[in-house]
Amino acid sequence: ELRELAYLKVTHITDCHVCWHYHEAAARRVGVTDRQLAELGAFEGSDAYSPLEKDVLRFAEQWTLRGRVADDVMARLKAALSPAHLVLLAATTAQANFTTRFNNVFGVELP
């Protein structure tokens, strides 16, 4: 669920309709709710997300927009996730940034 939230946050920021199509379905399969999907753009003020989910979304948002993640977010994620899960979150966010930007620059459409 956390990986799909991160992927969707990047997709929301980069406006990749192809990635949103596939990852929205995947997110629903792992338990992301309609309300969470609807409030993704305003997650900071939403009570639809747990504190950990919000930090995952902050991680994806900050890295996508700024190329770095705030120290307080990293500290909380390091306390909540194993090193392997943190690396997986980073890899997912990096992959989402690559895929969404690739799709957008080349105008990839749904089949």
PDB file of N, CA and C in Angstrom:
ATOM      1  N   GLU A   1       0.825  -1.200   0.000  1.00  0.00           N
ATOM      2  CA  GLU A   1       0.000   0.000   0.000  1.00  0.00           C
ATOM      3  C   GLU A   1       0.870   1.265   0.000  1.00  0.00           C
ATOM      4  N   LEU A   2       1.906   1.255   0.809  1.00  0.00           N
ATOM      5  CA  LEU A   2       2.772   2.440   0.889  1.00  0.00           C
ATOM      6  C   LEU A   2       3.466   2.702  -0.440  1.00  0.00           C
ATOM      7  N   ARG A   3       3.910   1.642  -1.091  1.00  0.00           N
ATOM      8  CA  ARG A   3       4.559   1.814  -2.400  1.00  0.00           C
ATOM      9  C   ARG A   3       3.594   2.403  -3.415  1.00  0.00           C
ATOM     10  N   GLU A   4       2.380   1.927  -3.434  1.00  0.00           N
ATOM     11  CA  GLU A   4       1.409   2.447  -4.399  1.00  0.00           C
ATOM     12  C   GLU A   4       1.048   3.895  -4.089  1.00  0.00           C
ATOM     13  N   LEU A   5       0.960   4.245  -2.813  1.00  0.00           N
ATOM     14  CA  LEU A   5       0.708   5.653  -2.467  1.00  0.00           C
ATOM     15  C   LEU A   5       1.844   6.539  -2.983  1.00  0.00           C
ATOM     16  N   ALA A   6       3.086   6.093  -2.792  1.00  0.00           N
ATOM     17  CA  ALA A   6       4.223   6.871  -3.285  1.00  0.00           C
ATOM     18  C   ALA A   6       4.168   7.004  -4.803  1.00  0.00           C
ATOM     19  N   TYR A   7       3.892   5.892  -5.480  1.00  0.00           N
ATOM     20  CA  TYR A   7       3.838   5.917  -6.945  1.00  0.00           C
ATOM     21  C   TYR A   7       2.742   6.864  -7.415  1.00  0.00           C
ATOM     22  N   LEU A   8       1.579   6.781  -6.783  1.00  0.00           N
ATOM     23  CA  LEU A   8       0.467   7.654  -7.188  1.00  0.00           C
ATOM     24  C   LEU A   8       0.760   9.125  -6.909  1.00  0.00           C
ATOM     25  N   LYS A   9       1.472   9.400  -5.822  1.00  0.00           N
ATOM     26  CA  LYS A   9       1.809  10.797  -5.528  1.00  0.00           C
ATOM     27  C   LYS A   9       2.701  11.366  -6.623  1.00  0.00           C
ATOM     28  N   VAL A  10       3.696  10.610  -7.047  1.00  0.00           N
ATOM     29  CA  VAL A  10       4.556  11.063  -8.147  1.00  0.00           C
ATOM     30  C   VAL A  10       3.724  11.234  -9.413  1.00  0.00           C
ATOM     31  N   THR A  11       2.866  10.285  -9.679  1.00  0.00           N
ATOM     32  CA  THR A  11       2.015  10.332 -10.868  1.00  0.00           C
ATOM     33  C   THR A  11       1.099  11.545 -10.838  1.00  0.00           C
ATOM     34  N   HIS A  12       0.570  11.855  -9.668  1.00  0.00           N
ATOM     35  CA  HIS A  12      -0.291  13.035  -9.503  1.00  0.00           C
ATOM     36  C   HIS A  12       0.494  14.312  -9.797  1.00  0.00           C
ATOM     37  N   ILE A  13       1.707  14.381  -9.290  1.00  0.00           N
ATOM     38  CA  ILE A  13       2.541  15.574  -9.489  1.00  0.00           C
ATOM     39  C   ILE A  13       2.943  15.726 -10.953  1.00  0.00           C
ATOM     40  N   THR A  14       3.343  14.637 -11.579  1.00  0.00           N
ATOM     41  CA  THR A  14       3.856  14.699 -12.950  1.00  0.00           C
ATOM     42  C   THR A  14       2.760  14.581 -14.003  1.00  0.00           C
ATOM     43  N   ASP A  15       1.540  14.312 -13.568  1.00  0.00           N
ATOM     44  CA  ASP A  15       0.363  14.270 -14.445  1.00  0.00           C
ATOM     45  C   ASP A  15       0.519  13.243 -15.572  1.00  0.00           C
ATOM     46  N   CYS A  16       0.857  12.020 -15.178  1.00  0.00           N
ATOM     47  CA  CYS A  16       0.985  10.938 -16.153  1.00  0.00           C
ATOM     48  C   CYS A  16      -0.285  10.089 -16.118  1.00  0.00           C
ATOM     49  N   HIS A  17      -1.109  10.243 -17.130  1.00  0.00           N
ATOM     50  CA  HIS A  17      -2.394   9.539 -17.170  1.00  0.00           C
ATOM     51  C   HIS A  17      -2.225   8.029 -17.338  1.00  0.00           C
ATOM     52  N   VAL A  18      -1.200   7.613 -18.053  1.00  0.00           N
ATOM     53  CA  VAL A  18      -0.949   6.188 -18.248  1.00  0.00           C
ATOM     54  C   VAL A  18      -0.600   5.535 -16.902  1.00  0.00           C
ATOM     55  N   CYS A  19       0.333   6.131 -16.184  1.00  0.00           N
ATOM     56  CA  CYS A  19       0.732   5.570 -14.890  1.00  0.00           C
ATOM     57  C   CYS A  19      -0.428   5.613 -13.896  1.00  0.00           C
ATOM     58  N   TRP A  20      -1.193   6.702 -13.917  1.00  0.00           N
ATOM     59  CA  TRP A  20      -2.341   6.789 -13.004  1.00  0.00           C
ATOM     60  C   TRP A  20      -3.314   5.649 -13.292  1.00  0.00           C
ATOM     61  N   HIS A  21      -3.588   5.379 -14.534  1.00  0.00           N
ATOM     62  CA  HIS A  21      -4.528   4.325 -14.914  1.00  0.00           C
ATOM     63  C   HIS A  21      -4.120   2.986 -14.295  1.00  0.00           C
ATOM     64  N   TYR A  22      -2.875   2.610 -14.461  1.00  0.00           N
ATOM     65  CA  TYR A  22      -2.418   1.309 -13.970  1.00  0.00           C
ATOM     66  C   TYR A  22      -2.222   1.282 -12.457  1.00  0.00           C
ATOM     67  N   HIS A  23      -1.686   2.346 -11.899  1.00  0.00           N
ATOM     68  CA  HIS A  23      -1.388   2.332 -10.468  1.00  0.00           C
ATOM     69  C   HIS A  23      -2.598   2.642  -9.604  1.00  0.00           C
ATOM     70  N   GLU A  24      -3.592   3.301 -10.135  1.00  0.00           N
ATOM     71  CA  GLU A  24      -4.837   3.460  -9.371  1.00  0.00           C
ATOM     72  C   GLU A  24      -5.463   2.084  -9.143  1.00  0.00           C
ATOM     73  N   ALA A  25      -5.494   1.271 -10.155  1.00  0.00           N
ATOM     74  CA  ALA A  25      -6.051  -0.082 -10.025  1.00  0.00           C
ATOM     75  C   ALA A  25      -5.226  -0.909  -9.042  1.00  0.00           C
ATOM     76  N   ALA A  26      -3.915  -0.824  -9.149  1.00  0.00           N
ATOM     77  CA  ALA A  26      -3.046  -1.571  -8.232  1.00  0.00           C
ATOM     78  C   ALA A  26      -3.238  -1.088  -6.792  1.00  0.00           C
ATOM     79  N   ALA A  27      -3.367   0.211  -6.614  1.00  0.00           N
ATOM     80  CA  ALA A  27      -3.564   0.777  -5.279  1.00  0.00           C
ATOM     81  C   ALA A  27      -4.876   0.284  -4.663  1.00  0.00           C
ATOM     82  N   ARG A  28      -5.914   0.244  -5.451  1.00  0.00           N
ATOM     83  CA  ARG A  28      -7.199  -0.262  -4.946  1.00  0.00           C
ATOM     84  C   ARG A  28      -7.066  -1.720  -4.519  1.00  0.00           C
ATOM     85  N   ARG A  29      -6.321  -2.507  -5.276  1.00  0.00           N
ATOM     86  CA  ARG A  29      -6.143  -3.924  -4.942  1.00  0.00           C
ATOM     87  C   ARG A  29      -5.441  -4.118  -3.601  1.00  0.00           C
ATOM     88  N   VAL A  30      -4.584  -3.187  -3.215  1.00  0.00           N
ATOM     89  CA  VAL A  30      -3.855  -3.335  -1.954  1.00  0.00           C
ATOM     90  C   VAL A  30      -4.467  -2.531  -0.810  1.00  0.00           C
ATOM     91  N   GLY A  31      -5.654  -1.963  -1.039  1.00  0.00           N
ATOM     92  CA  GLY A  31      -6.380  -1.339   0.056  1.00  0.00           C
ATOM     93  C   GLY A  31      -6.456   0.172   0.097  1.00  0.00           C
ATOM     94  N   VAL A  32      -5.912   0.863  -0.882  1.00  0.00           N
ATOM     95  CA  VAL A  32      -6.053   2.320  -0.921  1.00  0.00           C
ATOM     96  C   VAL A  32      -7.522   2.627  -1.206  1.00  0.00           C
ATOM     97  N   THR A  33      -8.086   3.540  -0.430  1.00  0.00           N
ATOM     98  CA  THR A  33      -9.521   3.818  -0.508  1.00  0.00           C
ATOM     99  C   THR A  33      -9.843   4.899  -1.539  1.00  0.00           C
ATOM    100  N   ASP A  34     -11.115   4.949  -1.918  1.00  0.00           N
ATOM    101  CA  ASP A  34     -11.581   6.010  -2.821  1.00  0.00           C
ATOM    102  C   ASP A  34     -11.288   7.381  -2.229  1.00  0.00           C
ATOM    103  N   ARG A  35     -11.510   7.512  -0.930  1.00  0.00           N
ATOM    104  CA  ARG A  35     -11.267   8.804  -0.278  1.00  0.00           C
ATOM    105  C   ARG A  35      -9.788   9.175  -0.334  1.00  0.00           C
ATOM    106  N   GLN A  36      -8.912   8.221  -0.102  1.00  0.00           N
ATOM    107  CA  GLN A  36      -7.480   8.505  -0.192  1.00  0.00           C
ATOM    108  C   GLN A  36      -7.100   8.939  -1.602  1.00  0.00           C
ATOM    109  N   LEU A  37      -7.647   8.276  -2.596  1.00  0.00           N
ATOM    110  CA  LEU A  37      -7.370   8.669  -3.979  1.00  0.00           C
ATOM    111  C   LEU A  37      -7.872  10.082  -4.254  1.00  0.00           C
ATOM    112  N   ALA A  38      -9.068  10.387  -3.787  1.00  0.00           N
ATOM    113  CA  ALA A  38      -9.656  11.704  -4.031  1.00  0.00           C
ATOM    114  C   ALA A  38      -8.902  12.819  -3.315  1.00  0.00           C
ATOM    115  N   GLU A  39      -8.316  12.512  -2.167  1.00  0.00           N
ATOM    116  CA  GLU A  39      -7.668  13.542  -1.352  1.00  0.00           C
ATOM    117  C   GLU A  39      -6.144  13.536  -1.473  1.00  0.00           C
ATOM    118  N   LEU A  40      -5.627  12.840  -2.463  1.00  0.00           N
ATOM    119  CA  LEU A  40      -4.180  12.738  -2.633  1.00  0.00           C
ATOM    120  C   LEU A  40      -3.522  14.104  -2.794  1.00  0.00           C
ATOM    121  N   GLY A  41      -4.162  14.992  -3.528  1.00  0.00           N
ATOM    122  CA  GLY A  41      -3.592  16.315  -3.754  1.00  0.00           C
ATOM    123  C   GLY A  41      -3.580  17.193  -2.519  1.00  0.00           C
ATOM    124  N   ALA A  42      -4.419  16.871  -1.546  1.00  0.00           N
ATOM    125  CA  ALA A  42      -4.520  17.661  -0.313  1.00  0.00           C
ATOM    126  C   ALA A  42      -4.301  16.770   0.900  1.00  0.00           C
ATOM    127  N   PHE A  43      -3.355  15.833   0.777  1.00  0.00           N
ATOM    128  CA  PHE A  43      -3.162  14.832   1.829  1.00  0.00           C
ATOM    129  C   PHE A  43      -2.769  15.426   3.168  1.00  0.00           C
ATOM    130  N   GLU A  44      -2.056  16.553   3.164  1.00  0.00           N
ATOM    131  CA  GLU A  44      -1.599  17.140   4.425  1.00  0.00           C
ATOM    132  C   GLU A  44      -2.758  17.464   5.358  1.00  0.00           C
ATOM    133  N   GLY A  45      -3.871  17.923   4.797  1.00  0.00           N
ATOM    134  CA  GLY A  45      -5.018  18.296   5.620  1.00  0.00           C
ATOM    135  C   GLY A  45      -6.063  17.207   5.762  1.00  0.00           C
ATOM    136  N   SER A  46      -5.763  16.036   5.258  1.00  0.00           N
ATOM    137  CA  SER A  46      -6.731  14.941   5.252  1.00  0.00           C
ATOM    138  C   SER A  46      -6.499  13.993   6.424  1.00  0.00           C
ATOM    139  N   ASP A  47      -7.592  13.507   6.987  1.00  0.00           N
ATOM    140  CA  ASP A  47      -7.473  12.478   8.020  1.00  0.00           C
ATOM    141  C   ASP A  47      -7.665  11.075   7.440  1.00  0.00           C
ATOM    142  N   ALA A  48      -7.639  10.980   6.118  1.00  0.00           N
ATOM    143  CA  ALA A  48      -7.778   9.683   5.451  1.00  0.00           C
ATOM    144  C   ALA A  48      -6.475   8.893   5.465  1.00  0.00           C
ATOM    145  N   TYR A  49      -5.393   9.526   5.882  1.00  0.00           N
ATOM    146  CA  TYR A  49      -4.074   8.900   5.870  1.00  0.00           C
ATOM    147  C   TYR A  49      -3.511   8.803   7.281  1.00  0.00           C
ATOM    148  N   SER A  50      -2.797   7.723   7.544  1.00  0.00           N
ATOM    149  CA  SER A  50      -2.090   7.575   8.821  1.00  0.00           C
ATOM    150  C   SER A  50      -0.859   8.484   8.808  1.00  0.00           C
ATOM    151  N   PRO A  51      -0.255   8.730   9.966  1.00  0.00           N
ATOM    152  CA  PRO A  51       0.984   9.510   9.976  1.00  0.00           C
ATOM    153  C   PRO A  51       2.080   8.903   9.088  1.00  0.00           C
ATOM    154  N   LEU A  52       2.215   7.584   9.079  1.00  0.00           N
ATOM    155  CA  LEU A  52       3.215   6.947   8.221  1.00  0.00           C
ATOM    156  C   LEU A  52       2.885   7.155   6.749  1.00  0.00           C
ATOM    157  N   GLU A  53       1.633   6.999   6.379  1.00  0.00           N
ATOM    158  CA  GLU A  53       1.238   7.229   4.986  1.00  0.00           C
ATOM    159  C   GLU A  53       1.535   8.662   4.572  1.00  0.00           C
ATOM    160  N   LYS A  54       1.287   9.613   5.459  1.00  0.00           N
ATOM    161  CA  LYS A  54       1.586  11.016   5.142  1.00  0.00           C
ATOM    162  C   LYS A  54       3.085  11.217   4.942  1.00  0.00           C
ATOM    163  N   ASP A  55       3.913  10.561   5.756  1.00  0.00           N
ATOM    164  CA  ASP A  55       5.357  10.694   5.569  1.00  0.00           C
ATOM    165  C   ASP A  55       5.812  10.065   4.261  1.00  0.00           C
ATOM    166  N   VAL A  56       5.200   8.955   3.867  1.00  0.00           N
ATOM    167  CA  VAL A  56       5.513   8.350   2.572  1.00  0.00           C
ATOM    168  C   VAL A  56       5.146   9.313   1.448  1.00  0.00           C
ATOM    169  N   LEU A  57       3.995   9.952   1.558  1.00  0.00           N
ATOM    170  CA  LEU A  57       3.571  10.921   0.546  1.00  0.00           C
ATOM    171  C   LEU A  57       4.479  12.145   0.541  1.00  0.00           C
ATOM    172  N   ARG A  58       4.899  12.592   1.715  1.00  0.00           N
ATOM    173  CA  ARG A  58       5.853  13.710   1.790  1.00  0.00           C
ATOM    174  C   ARG A  58       7.165  13.341   1.117  1.00  0.00           C
ATOM    175  N   PHE A  59       7.635  12.129   1.392  1.00  0.00           N
ATOM    176  CA  PHE A  59       8.871  11.649   0.776  1.00  0.00           C
ATOM    177  C   PHE A  59       8.769  11.725  -0.739  1.00  0.00           C
ATOM    178  N   ALA A  60       7.712  11.153  -1.288  1.00  0.00           N
ATOM    179  CA  ALA A  60       7.531  11.134  -2.744  1.00  0.00           C
ATOM    180  C   ALA A  60       7.385  12.550  -3.304  1.00  0.00           C
ATOM    181  N   GLU A  61       6.630  13.383  -2.625  1.00  0.00           N
ATOM    182  CA  GLU A  61       6.410  14.753  -3.088  1.00  0.00           C
ATOM    183  C   GLU A  61       7.695  15.574  -3.037  1.00  0.00           C
ATOM    184  N   GLN A  62       8.369  15.532  -1.910  1.00  0.00           N
ATOM    185  CA  GLN A  62       9.573  16.346  -1.759  1.00  0.00           C
ATOM    186  C   GLN A  62      10.678  15.907  -2.714  1.00  0.00           C
ATOM    187  N   TRP A  63      10.877  14.625  -2.848  1.00  0.00           N
ATOM    188  CA  TRP A  63      11.934  14.144  -3.751  1.00  0.00           C
ATOM    189  C   TRP A  63      11.600  14.484  -5.195  1.00  0.00           C
ATOM    190  N   THR A  64      10.335  14.379  -5.558  1.00  0.00           N
ATOM    191  CA  THR A  64       9.911  14.688  -6.921  1.00  0.00           C
ATOM    192  C   THR A  64      10.058  16.172  -7.224  1.00  0.00           C
ATOM    193  N   LEU A  65       9.662  17.012  -6.305  1.00  0.00           N
ATOM    194  CA  LEU A  65       9.665  18.454  -6.553  1.00  0.00           C
ATOM    195  C   LEU A  65      10.999  19.134  -6.252  1.00  0.00           C
ATOM    196  N   ARG A  66      11.740  18.621  -5.256  1.00  0.00           N
ATOM    197  CA  ARG A  66      12.947  19.313  -4.800  1.00  0.00           C
ATOM    198  C   ARG A  66      14.238  18.525  -4.975  1.00  0.00           C
ATOM    199  N   GLY A  67      14.102  17.232  -5.236  1.00  0.00           N
ATOM    200  CA  GLY A  67      15.297  16.410  -5.362  1.00  0.00           C
ATOM    201  C   GLY A  67      15.922  16.034  -4.036  1.00  0.00           C
ATOM    202  N   ARG A  68      15.225  16.297  -2.946  1.00  0.00           N
ATOM    203  CA  ARG A  68      15.702  15.934  -1.604  1.00  0.00           C
ATOM    204  C   ARG A  68      14.498  15.810  -0.682  1.00  0.00           C
ATOM    205  N   VAL A  69      14.722  15.201   0.457  1.00  0.00           N
ATOM    206  CA  VAL A  69      13.661  14.984   1.431  1.00  0.00           C
ATOM    207  C   VAL A  69      14.089  15.607   2.753  1.00  0.00           C
ATOM    208  N   ALA A  70      13.162  16.277   3.407  1.00  0.00           N
ATOM    209  CA  ALA A  70      13.461  16.957   4.666  1.00  0.00           C
ATOM    210  C   ALA A  70      13.958  15.970   5.725  1.00  0.00           C
ATOM    211  N   ASP A  71      14.870  16.445   6.544  1.00  0.00           N
ATOM    212  CA  ASP A  71      15.478  15.609   7.578  1.00  0.00           C
ATOM    213  C   ASP A  71      14.446  15.012   8.530  1.00  0.00           C
ATOM    214  N   ASP A  72      13.429  15.795   8.908  1.00  0.00           N
ATOM    215  CA  ASP A  72      12.433  15.275   9.852  1.00  0.00           C
ATOM    216  C   ASP A  72      11.619  14.138   9.237  1.00  0.00           C
ATOM    217  N   VAL A  73      11.316  14.244   7.953  1.00  0.00           N
ATOM    218  CA  VAL A  73      10.587  13.175   7.263  1.00  0.00           C
ATOM    219  C   VAL A  73      11.449  11.927   7.204  1.00  0.00           C
ATOM    220  N   MET A  74      12.709  12.087   6.843  1.00  0.00           N
ATOM    221  CA  MET A  74      13.621  10.941   6.779  1.00  0.00           C
ATOM    222  C   MET A  74      13.777  10.291   8.148  1.00  0.00           C
ATOM    223  N   ALA A  75      13.880  11.089   9.196  1.00  0.00           N
ATOM    224  CA  ALA A  75      14.053  10.536  10.542  1.00  0.00           C
ATOM    225  C   ALA A  75      12.841   9.691  10.940  1.00  0.00           C
ATOM    226  N   ARG A  76      11.659  10.194  10.650  1.00  0.00           N
ATOM    227  CA  ARG A  76      10.449   9.425  10.995  1.00  0.00           C
ATOM    228  C   ARG A  76      10.348   8.150  10.162  1.00  0.00           C
ATOM    229  N   LEU A  77      10.692   8.238   8.880  1.00  0.00           N
ATOM    230  CA  LEU A  77      10.647   7.043   8.033  1.00  0.00           C
ATOM    231  C   LEU A  77      11.687   6.010   8.473  1.00  0.00           C
ATOM    232  N   LYS A  78      12.866   6.459   8.847  1.00  0.00           N
ATOM    233  CA  LYS A  78      13.889   5.535   9.325  1.00  0.00           C
ATOM    234  C   LYS A  78      13.460   4.845  10.613  1.00  0.00           C
ATOM    235  N   ALA A  79      12.685   5.543  11.445  1.00  0.00           N
ATOM    236  CA  ALA A  79      12.191   4.946  12.687  1.00  0.00           C
ATOM    237  C   ALA A  79      11.045   3.960  12.427  1.00  0.00           C
ATOM    238  N   ALA A  80      10.296   4.177  11.353  1.00  0.00           N
ATOM    239  CA  ALA A  80       9.104   3.366  11.086  1.00  0.00           C
ATOM    240  C   ALA A  80       9.347   2.206  10.131  1.00  0.00           C
ATOM    241  N   LEU A  81      10.326   2.339   9.252  1.00  0.00           N
ATOM    242  CA  LEU A  81      10.563   1.329   8.219  1.00  0.00           C
ATOM    243  C   LEU A  81      11.929   0.686   8.409  1.00  0.00           C
ATOM    244  N   SER A  82      12.032  -0.552   7.999  1.00  0.00           N
ATOM    245  CA  SER A  82      13.340  -1.212   8.000  1.00  0.00           C
ATOM    246  C   SER A  82      14.197  -0.573   6.901  1.00  0.00           C
ATOM    247  N   PRO A  83      15.514  -0.733   6.986  1.00  0.00           N
ATOM    248  CA  PRO A  83      16.350  -0.208   5.906  1.00  0.00           C
ATOM    249  C   PRO A  83      15.943  -0.755   4.532  1.00  0.00           C
ATOM    250  N   ALA A  84      15.592  -2.021   4.463  1.00  0.00           N
ATOM    251  CA  ALA A  84      15.176  -2.614   3.182  1.00  0.00           C
ATOM    252  C   ALA A  84      13.889  -1.967   2.666  1.00  0.00           C
ATOM    253  N   HIS A  85      12.947  -1.707   3.563  1.00  0.00           N
ATOM    254  CA  HIS A  85      11.700  -1.067   3.131  1.00  0.00           C
ATOM    255  C   HIS A  85      11.929   0.384   2.720  1.00  0.00           C
ATOM    256  N   LEU A  86      12.847   1.062   3.384  1.00  0.00           N
ATOM    257  CA  LEU A  86      13.167   2.438   3.005  1.00  0.00           C
ATOM    258  C   LEU A  86      13.817   2.479   1.620  1.00  0.00           C
ATOM    259  N   VAL A  87      14.700   1.538   1.347  1.00  0.00           N
ATOM    260  CA  VAL A  87      15.312   1.454   0.018  1.00  0.00           C
ATOM    261  C   VAL A  87      14.247   1.144  -1.025  1.00  0.00           C
ATOM    262  N   LEU A  88      13.318   0.265  -0.706  1.00  0.00           N
ATOM    263  CA  LEU A  88      12.232  -0.062  -1.624  1.00  0.00           C
ATOM    264  C   LEU A  88      11.357   1.163  -1.901  1.00  0.00           C
ATOM    265  N   LEU A  89      11.092   1.959  -0.881  1.00  0.00           N
ATOM    266  CA  LEU A  89      10.340   3.205  -1.070  1.00  0.00           C
ATOM    267  C   LEU A  89      11.105   4.150  -2.002  1.00  0.00           C
ATOM    268  N   ALA A  90      12.397   4.282  -1.781  1.00  0.00           N
ATOM    269  CA  ALA A  90      13.212   5.157  -2.634  1.00  0.00           C
ATOM    270  C   ALA A  90      13.240   4.644  -4.068  1.00  0.00           C
ATOM    271  N   ALA A  91      13.397   3.335  -4.233  1.00  0.00           N
ATOM    272  CA  ALA A  91      13.427   2.765  -5.584  1.00  0.00           C
ATOM    273  C   ALA A  91      12.088   2.950  -6.286  1.00  0.00           C
ATOM    274  N   THR A  92      11.009   2.784  -5.566  1.00  0.00           N
ATOM    275  CA  THR A  92       9.674   2.971  -6.145  1.00  0.00           C
ATOM    276  C   THR A  92       9.480   4.415  -6.583  1.00  0.00           C
ATOM    277  N   THR A  93       9.878   5.337  -5.737  1.00  0.00           N
ATOM    278  CA  THR A  93       9.734   6.761  -6.060  1.00  0.00           C
ATOM    279  C   THR A  93      10.602   7.131  -7.255  1.00  0.00           C
ATOM    280  N   ALA A  94      11.816   6.621  -7.294  1.00  0.00           N
ATOM    281  CA  ALA A  94      12.705   6.889  -8.432  1.00  0.00           C
ATOM    282  C   ALA A  94      12.127   6.299  -9.718  1.00  0.00           C
ATOM    283  N   GLN A  95      11.638   5.064  -9.648  1.00  0.00           N
ATOM    284  CA  GLN A  95      11.038   4.428 -10.822  1.00  0.00           C
ATOM    285  C   GLN A  95       9.822   5.209 -11.299  1.00  0.00           C
ATOM    286  N   ALA A  96       8.997   5.660 -10.381  1.00  0.00           N
ATOM    287  CA  ALA A  96       7.813   6.436 -10.752  1.00  0.00           C
ATOM    288  C   ALA A  96       8.212   7.734 -11.442  1.00  0.00           C
ATOM    289  N   ASN A  97       9.240   8.387 -10.932  1.00  0.00           N
ATOM    290  CA  ASN A  97       9.702   9.625 -11.567  1.00  0.00           C
ATOM    291  C   ASN A  97      10.218   9.356 -12.973  1.00  0.00           C
ATOM    292  N   PHE A  98      10.981   8.291 -13.145  1.00  0.00           N
ATOM    293  CA  PHE A  98      11.480   7.957 -14.477  1.00  0.00           C
ATOM    294  C   PHE A  98      10.326   7.627 -15.420  1.00  0.00           C
ATOM    295  N   THR A  99       9.467   6.715 -14.994  1.00  0.00           N
ATOM    296  CA  THR A  99       8.399   6.224 -15.869  1.00  0.00           C
ATOM    297  C   THR A  99       7.425   7.337 -16.255  1.00  0.00           C
ATOM    298  N   THR A 100       7.004   8.124 -15.283  1.00  0.00           N
ATOM    299  CA  THR A 100       6.041   9.178 -15.600  1.00  0.00           C
ATOM    300  C   THR A 100       6.632  10.214 -16.539  1.00  0.00           C
ATOM    301  N   ARG A 101       7.860  10.586 -16.314  1.00  0.00           N
ATOM    302  CA  ARG A 101       8.499  11.597 -17.170  1.00  0.00           C
ATOM    303  C   ARG A 101       8.784  11.040 -18.558  1.00  0.00           C
ATOM    304  N   PHE A 102       9.192   9.778 -18.626  1.00  0.00           N
ATOM    305  CA  PHE A 102       9.403   9.123 -19.918  1.00  0.00           C
ATOM    306  C   PHE A 102       8.098   9.098 -20.706  1.00  0.00           C
ATOM    307  N   ASN A 103       7.035   8.640 -20.066  1.00  0.00           N
ATOM    308  CA  ASN A 103       5.738   8.587 -20.737  1.00  0.00           C
ATOM    309  C   ASN A 103       5.287   9.961 -21.211  1.00  0.00           C
ATOM    310  N   ASN A 104       5.481  10.959 -20.384  1.00  0.00           N
ATOM    311  CA  ASN A 104       5.046  12.309 -20.746  1.00  0.00           C
ATOM    312  C   ASN A 104       5.861  12.886 -21.899  1.00  0.00           C
ATOM    313  N   VAL A 105       7.165  12.743 -21.865  1.00  0.00           N
ATOM    314  CA  VAL A 105       7.998  13.347 -22.908  1.00  0.00           C
ATOM    315  C   VAL A 105       7.775  12.679 -24.258  1.00  0.00           C
ATOM    316  N   PHE A 106       7.476  11.385 -24.245  1.00  0.00           N
ATOM    317  CA  PHE A 106       7.253  10.668 -25.508  1.00  0.00           C
ATOM    318  C   PHE A 106       5.774  10.523 -25.863  1.00  0.00           C
ATOM    319  N   GLY A 107       4.909  11.121 -25.059  1.00  0.00           N
ATOM    320  CA  GLY A 107       3.481  11.095 -25.371  1.00  0.00           C
ATOM    321  C   GLY A 107       2.866   9.699 -25.376  1.00  0.00           C
ATOM    322  N   VAL A 108       3.350   8.842 -24.491  1.00  0.00           N
ATOM    323  CA  VAL A 108       2.826   7.473 -24.415  1.00  0.00           C
ATOM    324  C   VAL A 108       1.343   7.520 -24.047  1.00  0.00           C
ATOM    325  N   GLU A 109       0.549   6.759 -24.758  1.00  0.00           N
ATOM    326  CA  GLU A 109      -0.898   6.690 -24.505  1.00  0.00           C
ATOM    327  C   GLU A 109      -1.282   5.295 -24.074  1.00  0.00           C
ATOM    328  N   LEU A 110      -2.438   5.175 -23.476  1.00  0.00           N
ATOM    329  CA  LEU A 110      -2.962   3.859 -23.121  1.00  0.00           C
ATOM    330  C   LEU A 110      -3.220   3.053 -24.393  1.00  0.00           C
ATOM    331  N   PRO A 111      -2.979   1.742 -24.324  1.00  0.00           N
ATOM    332  CA  PRO A 111      -3.222   0.914 -25.520  1.00  0.00           C
ATOM    333  C   PRO A 111      -4.708   0.828 -25.848  1.00  0.00           C
TER     334      PRO A 111
END
